[in-house]
Protein backbone atom coordinates (compact mmCIF):
# COMPACT_ATOMS: atom_id res chain seq x y z
CA MET A 1 0.00 0.00 0.00
CA LYS A 2 1.16 3.51 -0.83
CA ARG A 3 2.20 5.46 2.29
CA ILE A 4 1.95 9.24 2.24
CA TYR A 5 2.97 11.44 5.15
CA LEU A 6 1.06 14.74 5.35
CA ASP A 7 1.68 15.60 8.99
CA TYR A 8 4.87 17.64 8.66
CA ALA A 9 3.56 20.26 11.11
CA ALA A 10 3.72 17.57 13.81
CA THR A 11 7.23 16.41 12.97
CA THR A 12 9.54 16.04 9.98
CA PRO A 13 11.83 13.18 8.91
CA THR A 14 15.44 13.91 9.75
CA HIS A 15 17.35 14.95 6.63
CA PRO A 16 19.95 12.30 5.60
CA GLU A 17 22.72 14.95 5.65
CA VAL A 18 21.68 15.83 9.21
CA VAL A 19 21.91 12.17 10.29
CA ALA A 20 25.37 11.93 8.69
CA ALA A 21 26.56 15.10 10.44
CA MET A 22 25.34 13.85 13.83
CA GLN A 23 26.71 10.31 13.69
CA PRO A 24 30.37 10.96 14.71
CA TYR A 25 29.24 12.79 17.85
CA PHE A 26 27.64 9.61 19.20
CA SER A 27 30.88 7.66 18.87
CA GLU A 28 34.41 8.94 18.30
CA LYS A 29 33.66 12.64 18.95
CA PHE A 30 31.83 12.07 22.22
CA GLY A 31 33.56 14.66 24.45
CA ASN A 32 31.88 16.96 26.96
CA PRO A 33 32.04 20.54 25.59
CA SER A 34 32.95 21.85 29.06
CA SER A 35 36.12 19.72 29.22
CA LEU A 36 39.46 21.39 28.50
CA HIS A 37 41.10 18.40 26.77
CA ALA A 38 41.04 17.75 23.02
CA PHE A 39 37.89 15.59 23.15
CA GLY A 40 36.01 18.35 24.93
CA GLN A 41 37.28 21.12 22.69
CA GLU A 42 36.34 19.13 19.59
CA ALA A 43 32.77 18.95 20.91
CA ARG A 44 32.85 22.64 21.92
CA SER A 45 33.91 23.61 18.39
CA ALA A 46 30.99 21.62 16.91
CA VAL A 47 28.49 23.31 19.25
CA GLU A 48 29.79 26.77 18.33
CA GLN A 49 29.66 25.98 14.63
CA ALA A 50 26.02 24.92 15.03
CA ARG A 51 25.32 28.14 16.92
CA GLU A 52 26.62 30.09 13.92
CA GLN A 53 24.50 28.03 11.52
CA VAL A 54 21.30 28.64 13.50
CA ALA A 55 22.12 32.34 13.89
CA LYS A 56 22.62 32.74 10.13
CA LEU A 57 19.22 31.19 9.39
CA ILE A 58 17.38 33.85 11.43
CA ASN A 59 19.90 36.72 10.93
CA ALA A 60 20.99 36.80 14.57
CA ARG A 61 24.41 36.88 16.22
CA PRO A 62 25.79 33.52 17.41
CA GLU A 63 26.06 34.75 21.02
CA GLU A 64 22.30 35.44 20.97
CA ILE A 65 21.45 31.74 20.41
CA VAL A 66 20.83 29.45 23.39
CA PHE A 67 20.28 25.73 22.77
CA THR A 68 17.37 24.00 24.52
CA SER A 69 15.82 20.53 24.48
CA SER A 70 12.78 21.64 22.44
CA GLY A 71 10.55 24.46 21.29
CA THR A 72 8.40 23.81 24.35
CA GLU A 73 11.37 24.36 26.66
CA ALA A 74 12.31 27.53 24.77
CA ASN A 75 8.78 28.88 25.25
CA ASN A 76 8.75 28.00 28.95
CA PHE A 77 12.19 29.58 29.30
CA VAL A 78 10.82 32.86 27.88
CA LEU A 79 7.72 33.00 30.08
CA HIS A 80 9.52 32.09 33.30
CA GLY A 81 12.81 33.81 32.53
CA ILE A 82 11.34 37.18 31.59
CA SER A 83 8.60 37.18 34.22
CA PHE A 84 10.79 36.42 37.23
CA ALA A 85 13.68 38.66 36.11
CA ASN A 86 11.40 41.66 35.56
CA LYS A 87 8.79 41.36 38.31
CA ASP A 88 10.14 44.55 39.88
CA LYS A 89 8.94 46.34 36.73
CA GLY A 90 5.53 44.71 36.39
CA ASN A 91 3.50 41.52 36.37
CA HIS A 92 1.48 41.71 33.14
CA ILE A 93 1.84 39.40 30.13
CA ILE A 94 0.01 39.70 26.79
CA THR A 95 -0.54 36.72 24.51
CA SER A 96 -3.27 35.39 22.21
CA GLN A 97 -6.05 32.84 22.58
CA ILE A 98 -4.61 30.64 19.81
CA GLU A 99 -1.07 30.13 21.10
CA HIS A 100 0.42 26.66 21.45
CA HIS A 101 -0.12 25.07 24.85
CA ALA A 102 3.62 25.55 25.44
CA ILE A 103 2.77 29.25 25.86
CA LEU A 104 -0.72 29.04 27.34
CA GLU A 105 0.12 26.57 30.12
CA PRO A 106 3.11 28.56 31.45
CA CYS A 107 0.86 31.65 31.41
CA HIS A 108 -1.73 29.80 33.50
CA PHE A 109 1.04 28.72 35.89
CA LEU A 110 2.33 32.30 36.21
CA GLU A 111 -1.17 33.56 36.96
CA LYS A 112 -1.11 31.30 40.02
CA GLN A 113 2.17 32.99 41.02
CA GLY A 114 0.63 36.47 41.04
CA PHE A 115 1.16 37.49 37.42
CA ASN A 116 -1.68 38.72 35.20
CA ALA A 117 -2.20 37.56 31.61
CA THR A 118 -4.30 39.04 28.82
CA TYR A 119 -5.39 36.57 26.13
CA LEU A 120 -6.14 38.55 22.98
CA PRO A 121 -8.95 37.44 20.66
CA VAL A 122 -8.42 36.74 16.96
CA ASP A 123 -10.60 37.30 13.90
CA LYS A 124 -12.24 34.55 11.82
CA TYR A 125 -8.92 33.90 10.06
CA GLY A 126 -6.97 33.63 13.31
CA LEU A 127 -5.27 37.03 12.99
CA VAL A 128 -4.38 39.12 16.03
CA ASN A 129 -5.26 42.80 15.55
CA PRO A 130 -2.19 44.94 16.35
CA LYS A 131 -4.53 47.61 17.74
CA ASP A 132 -5.72 45.09 20.34
CA VAL A 133 -2.10 44.66 21.45
CA GLU A 134 -1.78 48.43 21.76
CA LYS A 135 -4.96 48.67 23.85
CA ALA A 136 -3.84 45.85 26.14
CA LEU A 137 -0.43 47.40 26.95
CA THR A 138 -0.08 48.88 30.44
CA ASP A 139 2.84 50.28 32.42
CA LYS A 140 2.97 46.87 34.13
CA THR A 141 3.38 44.87 30.89
CA ILE A 142 6.69 43.00 30.91
CA LEU A 143 6.18 40.63 27.96
CA VAL A 144 4.14 40.24 24.77
CA SER A 145 4.21 36.76 23.21
CA ILE A 146 2.47 36.23 19.86
CA MET A 147 3.22 33.19 17.69
CA HIS A 148 4.67 33.81 14.23
CA ALA A 149 2.29 31.34 12.58
CA ASN A 150 -0.33 29.02 13.99
CA ASN A 151 0.45 25.31 14.04
CA GLU A 152 -3.16 24.25 13.38
CA ILE A 153 -4.59 26.70 10.84
CA GLY A 154 -1.35 28.11 9.40
CA THR A 155 -2.22 31.80 9.74
CA ILE A 156 0.86 34.06 9.75
CA GLN A 157 0.63 36.91 12.27
CA PRO A 158 1.55 40.58 11.61
CA ILE A 159 4.61 40.38 13.86
CA GLU A 160 6.40 43.36 12.27
CA GLU A 161 3.34 45.59 12.77
CA ILE A 162 3.00 44.50 16.38
CA SER A 163 6.71 45.10 17.04
CA GLU A 164 6.35 48.68 15.75
CA ILE A 165 3.62 49.27 18.33
CA ILE A 166 5.42 47.79 21.33
CA ARG A 167 9.00 48.71 20.45
CA GLU A 168 11.01 49.73 23.54
CA LYS A 169 7.91 49.52 25.77
CA THR A 170 8.32 45.87 26.73
CA TYR A 171 9.91 42.59 25.65
CA PHE A 172 8.45 40.91 22.56
CA HIS A 173 8.63 37.15 21.94
CA THR A 174 7.43 35.08 19.01
CA ASP A 175 7.06 31.31 18.87
CA ALA A 176 8.48 30.61 15.40
CA VAL A 177 8.52 26.82 15.66
CA GLN A 178 6.28 26.48 12.58
CA THR A 179 7.93 29.19 10.47
CA VAL A 180 11.69 28.71 10.81
CA GLY A 181 12.71 26.64 7.79
CA SER A 182 9.34 27.17 6.06
CA ILE A 183 9.36 30.91 5.31
CA PRO A 184 12.03 33.62 5.69
CA VAL A 185 12.57 34.53 9.35
CA ASP A 186 14.73 37.54 10.23
CA VAL A 187 14.77 38.60 13.88
CA ASN A 188 15.76 42.15 12.95
CA LYS A 189 12.97 42.61 10.41
CA LEU A 190 10.46 41.04 12.79
CA GLY A 191 11.64 43.35 15.57
CA VAL A 192 11.50 40.70 18.30
CA ASP A 193 13.61 40.31 21.44
CA LEU A 194 13.08 36.57 21.74
CA LEU A 195 12.27 33.80 19.25
CA SER A 196 11.74 30.05 19.76
CA LEU A 197 12.49 27.31 17.24
CA SER A 198 12.57 23.51 17.19
CA GLY A 199 14.87 21.03 15.45
CA HIS A 200 12.36 18.36 14.49
CA LYS A 201 10.11 20.86 12.69
CA LEU A 202 12.84 21.70 10.15
CA TYR A 203 14.19 18.23 9.28
CA GLY A 204 16.50 18.13 12.28
CA PRO A 205 16.41 15.70 15.21
CA LYS A 206 13.91 15.59 18.04
CA GLY A 207 15.05 16.64 21.50
CA VAL A 208 16.75 19.89 20.50
CA GLY A 209 15.57 23.46 20.02
CA ALA A 210 16.92 26.97 20.32
CA LEU A 211 16.00 30.33 21.74
CA TYR A 212 17.13 33.63 20.26
CA ILE A 213 17.69 36.14 23.08
CA LYS A 214 18.51 39.65 21.89
CA LYS A 215 21.63 41.10 23.51
CA GLY A 216 20.72 43.07 26.63
CA THR A 217 17.52 41.13 27.39
CA ARG A 218 17.05 40.82 31.15
CA MET A 219 16.28 37.19 31.84
CA GLU A 220 16.46 34.63 34.64
CA SER A 221 18.01 31.26 33.77
CA PHE A 222 15.37 28.54 33.49
CA ILE A 223 17.35 25.42 34.41
CA LYS A 224 19.76 25.82 37.33
CA GLY A 225 23.04 23.96 37.62
CA GLY A 226 26.30 24.44 35.75
CA GLY A 227 27.32 27.47 33.72
CA GLN A 228 26.57 26.12 30.25
CA GLU A 229 25.14 28.32 27.49
CA ARG A 230 26.68 31.46 29.02
CA ASN A 231 24.90 30.73 32.32
CA ARG A 232 21.53 30.84 30.54
CA ARG A 233 20.71 27.14 30.54
CA ALA A 234 22.45 24.56 32.74
CA SER A 235 22.98 20.95 31.58
CA THR A 236 25.64 19.19 29.54
CA GLU A 237 24.93 20.05 25.93
CA ASN A 238 23.26 17.52 23.65
CA VAL A 239 26.11 17.69 21.16
CA PRO A 240 24.74 15.30 18.48
CA GLY A 241 21.35 17.03 18.61
CA ILE A 242 22.89 20.51 18.45
CA VAL A 243 25.09 19.48 15.51
CA GLY A 244 21.97 18.11 13.80
CA LEU A 245 20.04 21.32 14.41
CA GLY A 246 22.93 23.33 13.00
CA LYS A 247 23.10 21.21 9.85
CA ALA A 248 19.29 21.38 9.44
CA ALA A 249 19.49 25.17 9.75
CA GLU A 250 22.24 25.33 7.12
CA LEU A 251 20.18 23.20 4.71
CA ALA A 252 17.02 25.21 5.38
CA ARG A 253 18.89 28.41 4.54
CA LYS A 254 20.12 26.98 1.23
CA GLU A 255 16.81 25.39 0.22
CA LEU A 256 14.34 27.94 1.65
CA ASN A 257 13.19 29.52 -1.62
CA SER A 258 12.79 26.23 -3.48
CA ARG A 259 11.00 24.61 -0.51
CA GLN A 260 8.62 27.55 -0.20
CA LYS A 261 7.75 27.54 -3.92
CA HIS A 262 7.30 23.75 -4.01
CA LEU A 263 5.04 23.67 -0.96
CA THR A 264 2.93 26.66 -1.99
CA GLU A 265 2.18 25.06 -5.37
CA LEU A 266 1.20 21.72 -3.84
CA ARG A 267 -0.79 23.36 -1.03
CA ASP A 268 -2.82 25.38 -3.52
CA LYS A 269 -3.39 22.32 -5.70
CA LEU A 270 -4.75 20.41 -2.69
CA ILE A 271 -7.03 23.26 -1.57
CA LYS A 272 -8.37 23.81 -5.10
CA GLY A 273 -8.89 20.09 -5.66
CA VAL A 274 -10.84 19.60 -2.44
CA LYS A 275 -13.02 22.67 -3.04
CA ASN A 276 -13.78 21.57 -6.61
CA LYS A 277 -14.60 17.97 -5.74
CA ILE A 278 -16.23 18.16 -2.29
CA PRO A 279 -19.18 20.46 -1.54
CA GLU A 280 -19.61 22.22 1.82
CA VAL A 281 -15.96 22.40 2.81
CA VAL A 282 -14.46 25.34 4.71
CA LEU A 283 -10.78 26.36 4.58
CA ASN A 284 -9.71 27.35 8.09
CA GLY A 285 -7.11 30.08 8.49
CA HIS A 286 -6.21 33.00 6.26
CA PRO A 287 -6.55 32.30 2.50
CA GLU A 288 -3.29 34.13 1.70
CA LEU A 289 -1.37 34.90 4.91
CA ARG A 290 -0.75 31.23 5.64
CA LEU A 291 2.12 28.79 5.84
CA PRO A 292 3.05 27.17 2.51
CA LYS A 293 2.71 23.72 4.10
CA ASN A 294 -0.66 24.11 5.83
CA VAL A 295 -4.14 23.01 4.69
CA ASN A 296 -6.75 22.95 7.46
CA LEU A 297 -10.27 22.03 6.33
CA SER A 298 -13.64 21.57 7.98
CA VAL A 299 -15.95 19.14 6.22
CA LYS A 300 -19.65 19.40 7.05
CA TYR A 301 -21.52 16.28 8.25
CA VAL A 302 -18.30 14.33 8.89
CA GLU A 303 -16.17 13.90 12.02
CA GLY A 304 -12.48 14.70 11.78
CA GLU A 305 -11.47 11.54 13.60
CA SER A 306 -13.44 9.36 11.17
CA MET A 307 -11.72 11.01 8.21
CA LEU A 308 -8.35 10.59 9.91
CA LEU A 309 -8.82 6.86 10.58
CA ASN A 310 -10.09 6.19 7.06
CA LEU A 311 -7.19 8.10 5.54
CA ASP A 312 -4.79 6.07 7.68
CA LEU A 313 -6.32 2.87 6.30
CA GLU A 314 -5.51 4.21 2.82
CA GLY A 315 -1.91 4.93 3.85
CA VAL A 316 -2.30 8.68 4.34
CA ALA A 317 -1.10 10.32 7.57
CA ALA A 318 -2.84 13.58 8.50
CA SER A 319 -4.03 15.18 11.75
CA THR A 320 -7.12 16.64 13.38
CA GLY A 321 -5.08 19.48 14.90
CA SER A 322 -2.08 19.92 17.15
CA ALA A 323 -0.14 16.68 17.56
CA CYS A 324 0.45 17.65 21.20
CA SER A 325 -3.26 17.36 22.00
CA SER A 326 -4.71 15.22 19.20
CA GLY A 327 -5.72 12.54 21.70
CA SER A 328 -8.40 14.90 22.99
CA THR A 329 -12.00 14.67 21.74
CA GLU A 330 -12.61 18.34 22.61
CA PRO A 331 -12.64 20.74 19.65
CA SER A 332 -9.37 22.63 19.36
CA HIS A 333 -9.04 25.89 21.31
CA VAL A 334 -7.82 27.46 18.07
CA LEU A 335 -10.96 26.56 16.12
CA LYS A 336 -13.10 27.78 19.02
CA ALA A 337 -11.20 31.09 19.06
CA ILE A 338 -11.86 31.73 15.35
CA GLY A 339 -15.57 31.24 16.03
CA LEU A 340 -16.01 28.00 14.11
CA ALA A 341 -19.36 26.30 14.74
CA PRO A 342 -19.02 23.14 16.89
CA ASP A 343 -19.98 20.79 14.04
CA LEU A 344 -17.36 22.33 11.75
CA ALA A 345 -14.75 22.26 14.51
CA GLN A 346 -15.42 18.53 15.05
CA GLY A 347 -15.17 18.00 11.29
CA SER A 348 -11.73 19.54 10.86
CA ILE A 349 -8.64 17.91 9.44
CA ARG A 350 -5.12 19.24 8.89
CA PHE A 351 -2.89 18.22 6.01
CA SER A 352 0.65 19.58 6.35
CA LEU A 353 3.05 19.15 3.46
CA GLY A 354 6.82 18.83 3.38
CA ARG A 355 9.95 18.71 1.26
CA LEU A 356 9.32 15.07 0.24
CA THR A 357 5.69 15.62 -0.79
CA THR A 358 5.09 15.14 -4.53
CA GLU A 359 2.35 16.07 -6.99
CA ASP A 360 1.52 12.35 -7.26
CA ASP A 361 1.00 12.29 -3.49
CA ILE A 362 -1.49 15.16 -3.72
CA ASN A 363 -3.35 13.47 -6.60
CA TYR A 364 -3.60 10.25 -4.59
CA VAL A 365 -4.79 12.07 -1.46
CA LEU A 366 -7.44 13.96 -3.43
CA ASP A 367 -8.69 10.71 -4.93
CA VAL A 368 -9.00 8.83 -1.62
CA PHE A 369 -10.22 11.85 0.38
CA VAL A 370 -13.15 12.45 -1.99
CA LYS A 371 -14.17 8.78 -1.68
CA ILE A 372 -13.82 8.82 2.12
CA VAL A 373 -15.92 11.95 2.58
CA ASP A 374 -18.58 10.56 0.23
CA LYS A 375 -18.68 7.27 2.14
CA LEU A 376 -18.86 8.93 5.57
CA ARG A 377 -21.52 11.40 4.49
CA LYS A 378 -23.71 8.57 3.22
CA MET A 379 -23.49 7.08 6.71
CA SER A 380 -24.42 10.38 8.37
CA PRO A 381 -28.04 10.71 9.60
CA ILE A 382 -27.97 14.50 9.05
CA TYR A 383 -26.50 14.60 5.54
CA LYS A 384 -29.14 15.08 2.84
CA GLY A 385 -26.87 15.52 -0.19
CA GLY A 386 -26.89 11.88 -1.17
CA ALA A 387 -30.62 11.34 -0.64
């Protein structure tokens, strides 16, 4: 049976060149980067090279990159690190209702510690209105955190506009886990002080991420212990993972334009094909300001989970939303926030494309998806189209 992976927003296959770059650091180049001998310095050199590679991808300086174990850790680091280092200045955080749980849950935790959080609404496309950010700012605001693009519906936020509004007033963070490696990301153009990214979302390994921290940002270290990562993040460095992230960043930089063009063409083909062949389908997210890899659809009279299971039987891997919470039967908080009716929220499915996706894959998916929706609708007691 043909197997097609269309869940690249959840994770990506590690690039063969990344695997090759990592391999020596599991065996002969196994030194601890903090050690002064040759083994240690060999590992230290590899870590610093990776730091340069990641910095180049987002137009940062190498010393502004801190390696973490994941995008989730990077996000937690921001929320805790900024909040506790700046509580003498204020206790107010601004974020949006559609952030990843790696932002929302730390915010909920901080609220229990005496901080206040404002969760901004979004429009029907999932866009934050920069004017809402401006209205929410107070003299107690110490951090604004708005994701660069949404992991479920693919909407790209007006980060540059927001940064113009809040510049110099407070710290500004963006969760760029879904955008780094997919679209151009430049920390200077975006105007952010902090930016999170993750290795396994850009064809690197799992278990490694990075946080851009602009020089001069006042921040408490998140993990206490040794003095690694310039005293920002204790723990012996995951050298193979960091090397892999560096190589993935280098490849993403080289291939960015071709990847973006390839994915945009296939994404648009999939959206057009579904809309032409299946009636009563809604595209969730912004029609234009969206990630090249993202197609999130709501199909009337059909449950997302049923579509997902039937697609899996046909060899197609997709998702009903965030992979971090796809075990839940509750409609996604993102789809609720954009005001989607409960039946449409329950009937949502996310296809996310990647560098290995082909036109043949899209043709196959269109063929089986049309048949699956038709079959499931015929079984639905509320669908009248087939009567």
